[in-house]
């Protein structure tokens, strides 16, 4: 316990080295935990004061400013001089909570990020990733894997992420064949389907065409095309290709285009983005050398 605070609360000096003061460290953990749960700075300060928890040897009075300094202090996550008392996730969550309370709002998510939420997965393990914001970092936004055993975290700004997704969407728009499952192609009309179409055209050319005959041939065509496609994936691909033909490359993220074409995206450790389309194809970002990876 120090008479005056020349080093952060939670630490002390022994044998010339700054080390954790475990009794105080427990209070640090409690402060972060209670604040994240919803307690105000004043609530926490009043509680510690009521319990007569020492701040220094001279005082056990706490106030909002002291609690705020603790929550803002990144040293508690560890550095060359200070051992970690809390993990980075806890620190970032607390700081983000503090910012949101001060402005009475969470950092605004644009429509694009709102669409991506729950559609971002970890490339390493496939688990869902969640977005976090820390104003203390150069890049405020990050995406963290929800799988504790993986623990992957990618720092990427909202602007950069949406730009990368837009580039890949434009690649699909400029080459719709990218959404065709590998090893499969969109087939042209078979001889049988072409024959049915000719029969319909011939019937329509009659003075009094038979509506029943035309409907029957339309149903025959639908059955034949379904049988020839032998794949729900290919039917979906054909539908998506028609949708893409109506699209134009975009300068900014387009929520409608994304929803029409993409099931989810994955992020890898280097921040590369991969689109997983609704036809179960993958559209990848650029590699470290700036070259396009295989799709």
C-alpha atoms as a PDB file:
ATOM      1  CA  UNK A   1       0.000   0.000   0.000  1.00  0.00           C
ATOM      2  CA  UNK A   2       1.454   3.322  -1.068  1.00  0.00           C
ATOM      3  CA  UNK A   3       1.110   6.620   0.851  1.00  0.00           C
ATOM      4  CA  UNK A   4       0.909   8.414  -2.502  1.00  0.00           C
ATOM      5  CA  UNK A   5       0.177   7.070  -5.974  1.00  0.00           C
ATOM      6  CA  UNK A   6       3.244   7.287  -8.206  1.00  0.00           C
ATOM      7  CA  UNK A   7       2.423   4.005  -9.934  1.00  0.00           C
ATOM      8  CA  UNK A   8      -1.042   2.747 -10.922  1.00  0.00           C
ATOM      9  CA  UNK A   9      -3.319   1.240  -8.310  1.00  0.00           C
ATOM     10  CA  UNK A  10      -2.882  -2.514  -8.372  1.00  0.00           C
ATOM     11  CA  UNK A  11       0.933  -2.448  -8.494  1.00  0.00           C
ATOM     12  CA  UNK A  12       3.759  -2.032  -6.035  1.00  0.00           C
ATOM     13  CA  UNK A  13       7.550  -2.029  -6.181  1.00  0.00           C
ATOM     14  CA  UNK A  14       9.582  -4.894  -4.732  1.00  0.00           C
ATOM     15  CA  UNK A  15      13.355  -5.248  -5.109  1.00  0.00           C
ATOM     16  CA  UNK A  16      13.348  -2.413  -7.615  1.00  0.00           C
ATOM     17  CA  UNK A  17      10.768  -4.097  -9.851  1.00  0.00           C
ATOM     18  CA  UNK A  18       7.120  -3.194 -10.434  1.00  0.00           C
ATOM     19  CA  UNK A  19       4.938  -6.169  -9.518  1.00  0.00           C
ATOM     20  CA  UNK A  20       1.241  -6.859  -8.978  1.00  0.00           C
ATOM     21  CA  UNK A  21      -0.198  -6.077  -5.566  1.00  0.00           C
ATOM     22  CA  UNK A  22      -2.717  -8.899  -5.454  1.00  0.00           C
ATOM     23  CA  UNK A  23      -5.174  -7.410  -2.951  1.00  0.00           C
ATOM     24  CA  UNK A  24      -5.446  -4.285  -5.076  1.00  0.00           C
ATOM     25  CA  UNK A  25      -5.501  -6.347  -8.280  1.00  0.00           C
ATOM     26  CA  UNK A  26      -8.629  -8.082  -7.012  1.00  0.00           C
ATOM     27  CA  UNK A  27     -10.252  -4.665  -6.631  1.00  0.00           C
ATOM     28  CA  UNK A  28      -9.195  -3.753 -10.182  1.00  0.00           C
ATOM     29  CA  UNK A  29     -10.895  -6.892 -11.520  1.00  0.00           C
ATOM     30  CA  UNK A  30     -13.994  -6.131  -9.473  1.00  0.00           C
ATOM     31  CA  UNK A  31     -14.158  -2.562 -10.816  1.00  0.00           C
ATOM     32  CA  UNK A  32     -14.033  -3.728 -14.444  1.00  0.00           C
ATOM     33  CA  UNK A  33     -16.514  -6.530 -13.828  1.00  0.00           C
ATOM     34  CA  UNK A  34     -19.070  -4.315 -12.071  1.00  0.00           C
ATOM     35  CA  UNK A  35     -18.741  -1.519 -14.609  1.00  0.00           C
ATOM     36  CA  UNK A  36     -19.318  -3.872 -17.547  1.00  0.00           C
ATOM     37  CA  UNK A  37     -22.346  -5.313 -15.715  1.00  0.00           C
ATOM     38  CA  UNK A  38     -23.899  -1.845 -15.558  1.00  0.00           C
ATOM     39  CA  UNK A  39     -22.730  -0.148 -12.356  1.00  0.00           C
ATOM     40  CA  UNK A  40     -21.930   3.562 -12.738  1.00  0.00           C
ATOM     41  CA  UNK A  41     -18.598   5.150 -11.823  1.00  0.00           C
ATOM     42  CA  UNK A  42     -20.294   6.739  -8.791  1.00  0.00           C
ATOM     43  CA  UNK A  43     -21.913   3.442  -7.741  1.00  0.00           C
ATOM     44  CA  UNK A  44     -18.549   1.687  -7.741  1.00  0.00           C
ATOM     45  CA  UNK A  45     -16.777   4.546  -5.931  1.00  0.00           C
ATOM     46  CA  UNK A  46     -19.491   4.758  -3.255  1.00  0.00           C
ATOM     47  CA  UNK A  47     -19.400   0.993  -2.723  1.00  0.00           C
ATOM     48  CA  UNK A  48     -15.616   0.911  -2.267  1.00  0.00           C
ATOM     49  CA  UNK A  49     -15.744   3.910   0.063  1.00  0.00           C
ATOM     50  CA  UNK A  50     -18.533   2.323   2.132  1.00  0.00           C
ATOM     51  CA  UNK A  51     -16.459  -0.865   2.467  1.00  0.00           C
ATOM     52  CA  UNK A  52     -13.448   1.276   3.491  1.00  0.00           C
ATOM     53  CA  UNK A  53     -11.268  -0.238   0.788  1.00  0.00           C
ATOM     54  CA  UNK A  54      -7.941   1.668   0.983  1.00  0.00           C
ATOM     55  CA  UNK A  55      -6.863   3.674  -2.035  1.00  0.00           C
ATOM     56  CA  UNK A  56      -3.617   4.734  -0.345  1.00  0.00           C
ATOM     57  CA  UNK A  57      -2.364   4.490   3.228  1.00  0.00           C
ATOM     58  CA  UNK A  58      -3.856   7.934   3.797  1.00  0.00           C
ATOM     59  CA  UNK A  59      -7.339   7.490   2.366  1.00  0.00           C
ATOM     60  CA  UNK A  60     -10.059   4.999   1.686  1.00  0.00           C
ATOM     61  CA  UNK A  61     -12.227   7.550  -0.114  1.00  0.00           C
ATOM     62  CA  UNK A  62     -12.964   6.787  -3.759  1.00  0.00           C
ATOM     63  CA  UNK A  63     -14.532   9.053  -6.358  1.00  0.00           C
ATOM     64  CA  UNK A  64     -15.691   8.867  -9.972  1.00  0.00           C
ATOM     65  CA  UNK A  65     -12.408  10.268 -11.311  1.00  0.00           C
ATOM     66  CA  UNK A  66     -10.352   7.508  -9.694  1.00  0.00           C
ATOM     67  CA  UNK A  67     -12.611   4.789 -11.079  1.00  0.00           C
ATOM     68  CA  UNK A  68     -12.524   6.419 -14.547  1.00  0.00           C
ATOM     69  CA  UNK A  69      -8.702   6.530 -14.529  1.00  0.00           C
ATOM     70  CA  UNK A  70      -8.579   2.832 -13.724  1.00  0.00           C
ATOM     71  CA  UNK A  71     -10.977   1.920 -16.523  1.00  0.00           C
ATOM     72  CA  UNK A  72      -9.010   4.058 -19.006  1.00  0.00           C
ATOM     73  CA  UNK A  73      -5.603   2.643 -18.056  1.00  0.00           C
ATOM     74  CA  UNK A  74      -4.362   0.213 -20.724  1.00  0.00           C
ATOM     75  CA  UNK A  75      -1.415  -0.763 -18.508  1.00  0.00           C
ATOM     76  CA  UNK A  76      -3.730  -3.227 -16.771  1.00  0.00           C
ATOM     77  CA  UNK A  77      -3.612  -5.416 -19.909  1.00  0.00           C
ATOM     78  CA  UNK A  78       0.162  -5.750 -19.518  1.00  0.00           C
ATOM     79  CA  UNK A  79       3.271  -4.073 -20.927  1.00  0.00           C
ATOM     80  CA  UNK A  80       7.058  -4.308 -20.686  1.00  0.00           C
ATOM     81  CA  UNK A  81       6.920  -2.697 -17.241  1.00  0.00           C
ATOM     82  CA  UNK A  82       3.587  -3.946 -15.908  1.00  0.00           C
ATOM     83  CA  UNK A  83       2.217  -7.490 -15.660  1.00  0.00           C
ATOM     84  CA  UNK A  84      -1.346  -7.990 -16.863  1.00  0.00           C
ATOM     85  CA  UNK A  85      -4.186  -7.851 -14.334  1.00  0.00           C
ATOM     86  CA  UNK A  86      -7.048  -8.078 -16.852  1.00  0.00           C
ATOM     87  CA  UNK A  87      -7.244  -9.336 -20.433  1.00  0.00           C
ATOM     88  CA  UNK A  88      -7.611  -7.111 -23.497  1.00  0.00           C
ATOM     89  CA  UNK A  89     -11.208  -8.169 -24.143  1.00  0.00           C
ATOM     90  CA  UNK A  90     -12.265  -7.007 -20.675  1.00  0.00           C
ATOM     91  CA  UNK A  91     -10.427  -3.694 -21.098  1.00  0.00           C
ATOM     92  CA  UNK A  92     -11.873  -3.017 -24.550  1.00  0.00           C
ATOM     93  CA  UNK A  93     -15.383  -3.890 -23.415  1.00  0.00           C
ATOM     94  CA  UNK A  94     -15.133  -1.527 -20.447  1.00  0.00           C
ATOM     95  CA  UNK A  95     -13.715   1.356 -22.492  1.00  0.00           C
ATOM     96  CA  UNK A  96     -16.345   0.859 -25.184  1.00  0.00           C
ATOM     97  CA  UNK A  97     -19.038   0.851 -22.481  1.00  0.00           C
ATOM     98  CA  UNK A  98     -17.658   4.079 -21.012  1.00  0.00           C
ATOM     99  CA  UNK A  99     -17.667   5.809 -24.395  1.00  0.00           C
ATOM    100  CA  UNK A 100     -21.201   4.682 -25.153  1.00  0.00           C
ATOM    101  CA  UNK A 101     -22.455   5.952 -21.799  1.00  0.00           C
ATOM    102  CA  UNK A 102     -20.765   9.321 -22.246  1.00  0.00           C
ATOM    103  CA  UNK A 103     -22.383   9.827 -25.653  1.00  0.00           C
ATOM    104  CA  UNK A 104     -25.537   7.929 -24.666  1.00  0.00           C
ATOM    105  CA  UNK A 105     -25.097   5.702 -27.702  1.00  0.00           C
ATOM    106  CA  UNK A 106     -22.960   2.835 -28.879  1.00  0.00           C
ATOM    107  CA  UNK A 107     -20.620   3.786 -31.711  1.00  0.00           C
ATOM    108  CA  UNK A 108     -22.941   3.985 -34.668  1.00  0.00           C
ATOM    109  CA  UNK A 109     -22.928   1.040 -36.988  1.00  0.00           C
ATOM    110  CA  UNK A 110     -23.546   1.903 -40.598  1.00  0.00           C
ATOM    111  CA  UNK A 111     -26.073  -0.175 -42.516  1.00  0.00           C
ATOM    112  CA  UNK A 112     -23.283  -2.248 -44.062  1.00  0.00           C
ATOM    113  CA  UNK A 113     -21.833  -3.325 -40.728  1.00  0.00           C
ATOM    114  CA  UNK A 114     -25.318  -4.075 -39.445  1.00  0.00           C
ATOM    115  CA  UNK A 115     -25.789  -6.434 -42.431  1.00  0.00           C
ATOM    116  CA  UNK A 116     -22.423  -8.126 -41.764  1.00  0.00           C
ATOM    117  CA  UNK A 117     -23.153  -8.724 -38.091  1.00  0.00           C
ATOM    118  CA  UNK A 118     -23.760 -12.459 -37.576  1.00  0.00           C
ATOM    119  CA  UNK A 119     -22.336 -13.123 -41.064  1.00  0.00           C
ATOM    120  CA  UNK A 120     -18.633 -12.917 -40.235  1.00  0.00           C
ATOM    121  CA  UNK A 121     -16.837 -16.171 -39.432  1.00  0.00           C
ATOM    122  CA  UNK A 122     -13.308 -17.090 -38.460  1.00  0.00           C
ATOM    123  CA  UNK A 123     -11.300 -18.512 -41.352  1.00  0.00           C
ATOM    124  CA  UNK A 124      -9.261 -20.618 -38.928  1.00  0.00           C
ATOM    125  CA  UNK A 125     -12.057 -22.500 -37.150  1.00  0.00           C
ATOM    126  CA  UNK A 126     -15.324 -21.444 -38.816  1.00  0.00           C
ATOM    127  CA  UNK A 127     -16.856 -20.001 -35.631  1.00  0.00           C
ATOM    128  CA  UNK A 128     -18.872 -16.777 -35.562  1.00  0.00           C
ATOM    129  CA  UNK A 129     -16.909 -13.567 -34.985  1.00  0.00           C
ATOM    130  CA  UNK A 130     -18.162 -10.559 -33.026  1.00  0.00           C
ATOM    131  CA  UNK A 131     -17.327  -6.901 -33.608  1.00  0.00           C
ATOM    132  CA  UNK A 132     -15.756  -4.868 -30.804  1.00  0.00           C
ATOM    133  CA  UNK A 133     -14.757  -1.227 -30.583  1.00  0.00           C
ATOM    134  CA  UNK A 134     -11.891   0.300 -28.586  1.00  0.00           C
ATOM    135  CA  UNK A 135     -11.306   4.041 -28.901  1.00  0.00           C
ATOM    136  CA  UNK A 136      -7.819   3.672 -27.421  1.00  0.00           C
ATOM    137  CA  UNK A 137      -6.543   1.798 -30.479  1.00  0.00           C
ATOM    138  CA  UNK A 138      -5.335   3.304 -33.758  1.00  0.00           C
ATOM    139  CA  UNK A 139      -7.862   1.048 -35.483  1.00  0.00           C
ATOM    140  CA  UNK A 140     -10.946   1.173 -33.275  1.00  0.00           C
ATOM    141  CA  UNK A 141     -12.782  -1.849 -34.667  1.00  0.00           C
ATOM    142  CA  UNK A 142     -11.875  -5.517 -34.374  1.00  0.00           C
ATOM    143  CA  UNK A 143     -13.562  -8.887 -34.936  1.00  0.00           C
ATOM    144  CA  UNK A 144     -12.992 -11.614 -32.352  1.00  0.00           C
ATOM    145  CA  UNK A 145     -13.639 -15.333 -32.729  1.00  0.00           C
ATOM    146  CA  UNK A 146     -16.251 -16.637 -30.296  1.00  0.00           C
ATOM    147  CA  UNK A 147     -14.376 -19.941 -30.003  1.00  0.00           C
ATOM    148  CA  UNK A 148     -12.257 -19.606 -26.842  1.00  0.00           C
ATOM    149  CA  UNK A 149      -9.873 -22.322 -28.041  1.00  0.00           C
ATOM    150  CA  UNK A 150      -9.180 -20.338 -31.207  1.00  0.00           C
ATOM    151  CA  UNK A 151      -9.115 -16.783 -29.857  1.00  0.00           C
ATOM    152  CA  UNK A 152      -8.407 -15.242 -33.265  1.00  0.00           C
ATOM    153  CA  UNK A 153      -8.808 -11.454 -33.376  1.00  0.00           C
ATOM    154  CA  UNK A 154      -8.503  -9.326 -36.502  1.00  0.00           C
ATOM    155  CA  UNK A 155      -8.180  -5.583 -36.265  1.00  0.00           C
ATOM    156  CA  UNK A 156      -9.810  -4.053 -39.341  1.00  0.00           C
ATOM    157  CA  UNK A 157     -11.683  -0.790 -39.684  1.00  0.00           C
ATOM    158  CA  UNK A 158     -15.304  -0.769 -40.803  1.00  0.00           C
ATOM    159  CA  UNK A 159     -14.296   1.270 -43.849  1.00  0.00           C
ATOM    160  CA  UNK A 160     -11.580  -1.166 -44.881  1.00  0.00           C
ATOM    161  CA  UNK A 161     -13.775  -4.226 -44.337  1.00  0.00           C
ATOM    162  CA  UNK A 162     -16.672  -2.850 -46.377  1.00  0.00           C
ATOM    163  CA  UNK A 163     -14.286  -1.780 -49.142  1.00  0.00           C
ATOM    164  CA  UNK A 164     -12.797  -5.270 -49.382  1.00  0.00           C
ATOM    165  CA  UNK A 165     -16.244  -6.840 -49.554  1.00  0.00           C
ATOM    166  CA  UNK A 166     -17.288  -4.330 -52.224  1.00  0.00           C
ATOM    167  CA  UNK A 167     -14.234  -5.158 -54.357  1.00  0.00           C
ATOM    168  CA  UNK A 168     -15.154  -8.852 -54.255  1.00  0.00           C
ATOM    169  CA  UNK A 169     -18.815  -8.147 -55.030  1.00  0.00           C
ATOM    170  CA  UNK A 170     -17.722  -6.109 -58.049  1.00  0.00           C
ATOM    171  CA  UNK A 171     -15.564  -9.017 -59.183  1.00  0.00           C
ATOM    172  CA  UNK A 172     -18.667 -11.224 -59.232  1.00  0.00           C
ATOM    173  CA  UNK A 173     -20.713  -8.578 -61.049  1.00  0.00           C
ATOM    174  CA  UNK A 174     -18.031  -8.294 -63.725  1.00  0.00           C
ATOM    175  CA  UNK A 175     -17.791 -12.089 -64.107  1.00  0.00           C
ATOM    176  CA  UNK A 176     -21.006 -13.842 -63.098  1.00  0.00           C
ATOM    177  CA  UNK A 177     -19.481 -17.257 -63.865  1.00  0.00           C
ATOM    178  CA  UNK A 178     -17.594 -16.966 -60.569  1.00  0.00           C
ATOM    179  CA  UNK A 179     -20.756 -18.025 -58.741  1.00  0.00           C
ATOM    180  CA  UNK A 180     -21.031 -21.244 -60.772  1.00  0.00           C
ATOM    181  CA  UNK A 181     -19.898 -24.206 -58.628  1.00  0.00           C
ATOM    182  CA  UNK A 182     -16.462 -25.416 -59.696  1.00  0.00           C
ATOM    183  CA  UNK A 183     -16.527 -28.144 -62.328  1.00  0.00           C
ATOM    184  CA  UNK A 184     -20.075 -27.284 -63.406  1.00  0.00           C
ATOM    185  CA  UNK A 185     -21.337 -25.044 -66.184  1.00  0.00           C
ATOM    186  CA  UNK A 186     -24.678 -23.568 -67.031  1.00  0.00           C
ATOM    187  CA  UNK A 187     -26.164 -25.777 -69.719  1.00  0.00           C
ATOM    188  CA  UNK A 188     -27.879 -24.549 -72.853  1.00  0.00           C
ATOM    189  CA  UNK A 189     -31.200 -25.982 -73.878  1.00  0.00           C
ATOM    190  CA  UNK A 190     -31.064 -29.695 -74.629  1.00  0.00           C
ATOM    191  CA  UNK A 191     -32.459 -31.072 -77.876  1.00  0.00           C
ATOM    192  CA  UNK A 192     -35.613 -32.140 -76.073  1.00  0.00           C
ATOM    193  CA  UNK A 193     -36.187 -28.751 -74.455  1.00  0.00           C
ATOM    194  CA  UNK A 194     -35.543 -27.000 -77.778  1.00  0.00           C
ATOM    195  CA  UNK A 195     -38.116 -29.319 -79.400  1.00  0.00           C
ATOM    196  CA  UNK A 196     -40.737 -28.409 -76.780  1.00  0.00           C
ATOM    197  CA  UNK A 197     -40.103 -24.712 -77.364  1.00  0.00           C
ATOM    198  CA  UNK A 198     -40.463 -25.144 -81.127  1.00  0.00           C
ATOM    199  CA  UNK A 199     -43.780 -26.919 -80.584  1.00  0.00           C
ATOM    200  CA  UNK A 200     -45.000 -24.040 -78.411  1.00  0.00           C
ATOM    201  CA  UNK A 201     -43.987 -21.496 -81.047  1.00  0.00           C
ATOM    202  CA  UNK A 202     -45.718 -23.529 -83.747  1.00  0.00           C
ATOM    203  CA  UNK A 203     -48.886 -23.769 -81.698  1.00  0.00           C
ATOM    204  CA  UNK A 204     -48.833 -20.022 -81.033  1.00  0.00           C
ATOM    205  CA  UNK A 205     -48.652 -19.530 -84.793  1.00  0.00           C
ATOM    206  CA  UNK A 206     -51.987 -21.232 -85.307  1.00  0.00           C
ATOM    207  CA  UNK A 207     -55.148 -19.203 -85.733  1.00  0.00           C
ATOM    208  CA  UNK A 208     -56.649 -20.733 -82.574  1.00  0.00           C
ATOM    209  CA  UNK A 209     -53.790 -22.058 -80.436  1.00  0.00           C
ATOM    210  CA  UNK A 210     -54.545 -24.642 -77.772  1.00  0.00           C
ATOM    211  CA  UNK A 211     -53.976 -23.192 -74.328  1.00  0.00           C
ATOM    212  CA  UNK A 212     -53.939 -26.665 -72.769  1.00  0.00           C
ATOM    213  CA  UNK A 213     -51.263 -27.841 -75.194  1.00  0.00           C
ATOM    214  CA  UNK A 214     -49.059 -24.799 -74.470  1.00  0.00           C
ATOM    215  CA  UNK A 215     -49.394 -25.205 -70.697  1.00  0.00           C
ATOM    216  CA  UNK A 216     -48.561 -28.896 -70.969  1.00  0.00           C
ATOM    217  CA  UNK A 217     -45.410 -28.137 -72.984  1.00  0.00           C
ATOM    218  CA  UNK A 218     -44.332 -25.434 -70.504  1.00  0.00           C
ATOM    219  CA  UNK A 219     -44.623 -27.973 -67.695  1.00  0.00           C
ATOM    220  CA  UNK A 220     -42.663 -30.488 -69.803  1.00  0.00           C
ATOM    221  CA  UNK A 221     -39.889 -27.909 -70.243  1.00  0.00           C
ATOM    222  CA  UNK A 222     -39.760 -27.191 -66.504  1.00  0.00           C
ATOM    223  CA  UNK A 223     -39.584 -30.909 -65.665  1.00  0.00           C
ATOM    224  CA  UNK A 224     -36.895 -31.497 -68.277  1.00  0.00           C
ATOM    225  CA  UNK A 225     -34.733 -28.576 -67.151  1.00  0.00           C
ATOM    226  CA  UNK A 226     -34.980 -29.649 -63.533  1.00  0.00           C
ATOM    227  CA  UNK A 227     -34.018 -33.215 -64.446  1.00  0.00           C
ATOM    228  CA  UNK A 228     -31.116 -32.076 -66.613  1.00  0.00           C
ATOM    229  CA  UNK A 229     -29.742 -29.724 -63.988  1.00  0.00           C
ATOM    230  CA  UNK A 230     -29.720 -32.596 -61.436  1.00  0.00           C
ATOM    231  CA  UNK A 231     -28.587 -30.061 -58.904  1.00  0.00           C
ATOM    232  CA  UNK A 232     -30.395 -27.561 -56.728  1.00  0.00           C
ATOM    233  CA  UNK A 233     -27.084 -25.700 -56.684  1.00  0.00           C
ATOM    234  CA  UNK A 234     -27.187 -25.190 -60.443  1.00  0.00           C
ATOM    235  CA  UNK A 235     -30.776 -23.963 -60.360  1.00  0.00           C
ATOM    236  CA  UNK A 236     -29.760 -21.448 -57.712  1.00  0.00           C
ATOM    237  CA  UNK A 237     -26.731 -20.458 -59.820  1.00  0.00           C
ATOM    238  CA  UNK A 238     -28.930 -19.751 -62.839  1.00  0.00           C
ATOM    239  CA  UNK A 239     -31.269 -17.616 -60.763  1.00  0.00           C
ATOM    240  CA  UNK A 240     -28.348 -15.715 -59.223  1.00  0.00           C
ATOM    241  CA  UNK A 241     -26.759 -15.159 -62.650  1.00  0.00           C
ATOM    242  CA  UNK A 242     -29.940 -13.524 -63.870  1.00  0.00           C
ATOM    243  CA  UNK A 243     -29.932 -11.297 -60.787  1.00  0.00           C
ATOM    244  CA  UNK A 244     -26.272 -10.362 -61.404  1.00  0.00           C
ATOM    245  CA  UNK A 245     -27.076  -9.347 -64.998  1.00  0.00           C
ATOM    246  CA  UNK A 246     -29.131  -6.486 -63.541  1.00  0.00           C
ATOM    247  CA  UNK A 247     -26.328  -5.301 -61.245  1.00  0.00           C
ATOM    248  CA  UNK A 248     -23.659  -2.679 -61.847  1.00  0.00           C
ATOM    249  CA  UNK A 249     -20.244  -2.347 -60.134  1.00  0.00           C
ATOM    250  CA  UNK A 250     -20.467  -0.152 -57.038  1.00  0.00           C
ATOM    251  CA  UNK A 251     -18.114   2.372 -55.461  1.00  0.00           C
ATOM    252  CA  UNK A 252     -19.600   1.762 -52.012  1.00  0.00           C
ATOM    253  CA  UNK A 253     -20.943  -1.276 -50.176  1.00  0.00           C
ATOM    254  CA  UNK A 254     -24.394  -2.236 -51.442  1.00  0.00           C
ATOM    255  CA  UNK A 255     -26.520  -3.986 -48.809  1.00  0.00           C
ATOM    256  CA  UNK A 256     -29.005  -5.400 -51.339  1.00  0.00           C
ATOM    257  CA  UNK A 257     -26.285  -6.869 -53.564  1.00  0.00           C
ATOM    258  CA  UNK A 258     -24.572  -8.448 -50.573  1.00  0.00           C
ATOM    259  CA  UNK A 259     -27.786 -10.016 -49.295  1.00  0.00           C
ATOM    260  CA  UNK A 260     -28.648 -11.375 -52.748  1.00  0.00           C
ATOM    261  CA  UNK A 261     -25.269 -12.979 -53.415  1.00  0.00           C
ATOM    262  CA  UNK A 262     -23.520 -13.821 -50.145  1.00  0.00           C
ATOM    263  CA  UNK A 263     -24.289 -16.251 -47.327  1.00  0.00           C
ATOM    264  CA  UNK A 264     -21.408 -15.167 -45.072  1.00  0.00           C
ATOM    265  CA  UNK A 265     -17.791 -13.968 -45.134  1.00  0.00           C
ATOM    266  CA  UNK A 266     -14.649 -15.200 -43.405  1.00  0.00           C
ATOM    267  CA  UNK A 267     -11.655 -13.249 -42.083  1.00  0.00           C
ATOM    268  CA  UNK A 268      -8.162 -14.696 -41.728  1.00  0.00           C
ATOM    269  CA  UNK A 269      -5.309 -13.558 -39.463  1.00  0.00           C
ATOM    270  CA  UNK A 270      -3.946 -11.129 -42.070  1.00  0.00           C
ATOM    271  CA  UNK A 271      -7.320  -9.448 -42.580  1.00  0.00           C
ATOM    272  CA  UNK A 272      -8.048 -11.086 -45.940  1.00  0.00           C
ATOM    273  CA  UNK A 273     -11.727 -11.419 -46.750  1.00  0.00           C
ATOM    274  CA  UNK A 274     -13.429 -14.360 -48.444  1.00  0.00           C
ATOM    275  CA  UNK A 275     -17.022 -14.303 -49.675  1.00  0.00           C
ATOM    276  CA  UNK A 276     -19.027 -17.520 -49.396  1.00  0.00           C
ATOM    277  CA  UNK A 277     -21.777 -17.179 -51.961  1.00  0.00           C
ATOM    278  CA  UNK A 278     -25.268 -18.606 -51.933  1.00  0.00           C
ATOM    279  CA  UNK A 279     -24.183 -21.034 -54.644  1.00  0.00           C
ATOM    280  CA  UNK A 280     -21.478 -22.390 -52.301  1.00  0.00           C
ATOM    281  CA  UNK A 281     -18.541 -20.880 -54.166  1.00  0.00           C
ATOM    282  CA  UNK A 282     -15.744 -18.880 -52.557  1.00  0.00           C
ATOM    283  CA  UNK A 283     -14.510 -15.493 -53.765  1.00  0.00           C
ATOM    284  CA  UNK A 284     -11.227 -14.566 -52.132  1.00  0.00           C
ATOM    285  CA  UNK A 285      -9.297 -11.373 -51.529  1.00  0.00           C
ATOM    286  CA  UNK A 286      -5.758 -10.557 -52.509  1.00  0.00           C
ATOM    287  CA  UNK A 287      -2.683 -12.297 -51.121  1.00  0.00           C
ATOM    288  CA  UNK A 288       0.194 -10.574 -49.342  1.00  0.00           C
ATOM    289  CA  UNK A 289       1.878  -9.732 -52.673  1.00  0.00           C
ATOM    290  CA  UNK A 290      -1.215  -8.063 -54.041  1.00  0.00           C
ATOM    291  CA  UNK A 291      -2.047 -10.876 -56.447  1.00  0.00           C
ATOM    292  CA  UNK A 292      -5.462 -12.434 -56.757  1.00  0.00           C
ATOM    293  CA  UNK A 293      -5.899 -15.782 -55.117  1.00  0.00           C
ATOM    294  CA  UNK A 294      -7.780 -18.625 -56.807  1.00  0.00           C
ATOM    295  CA  UNK A 295     -11.549 -18.461 -56.527  1.00  0.00           C
END
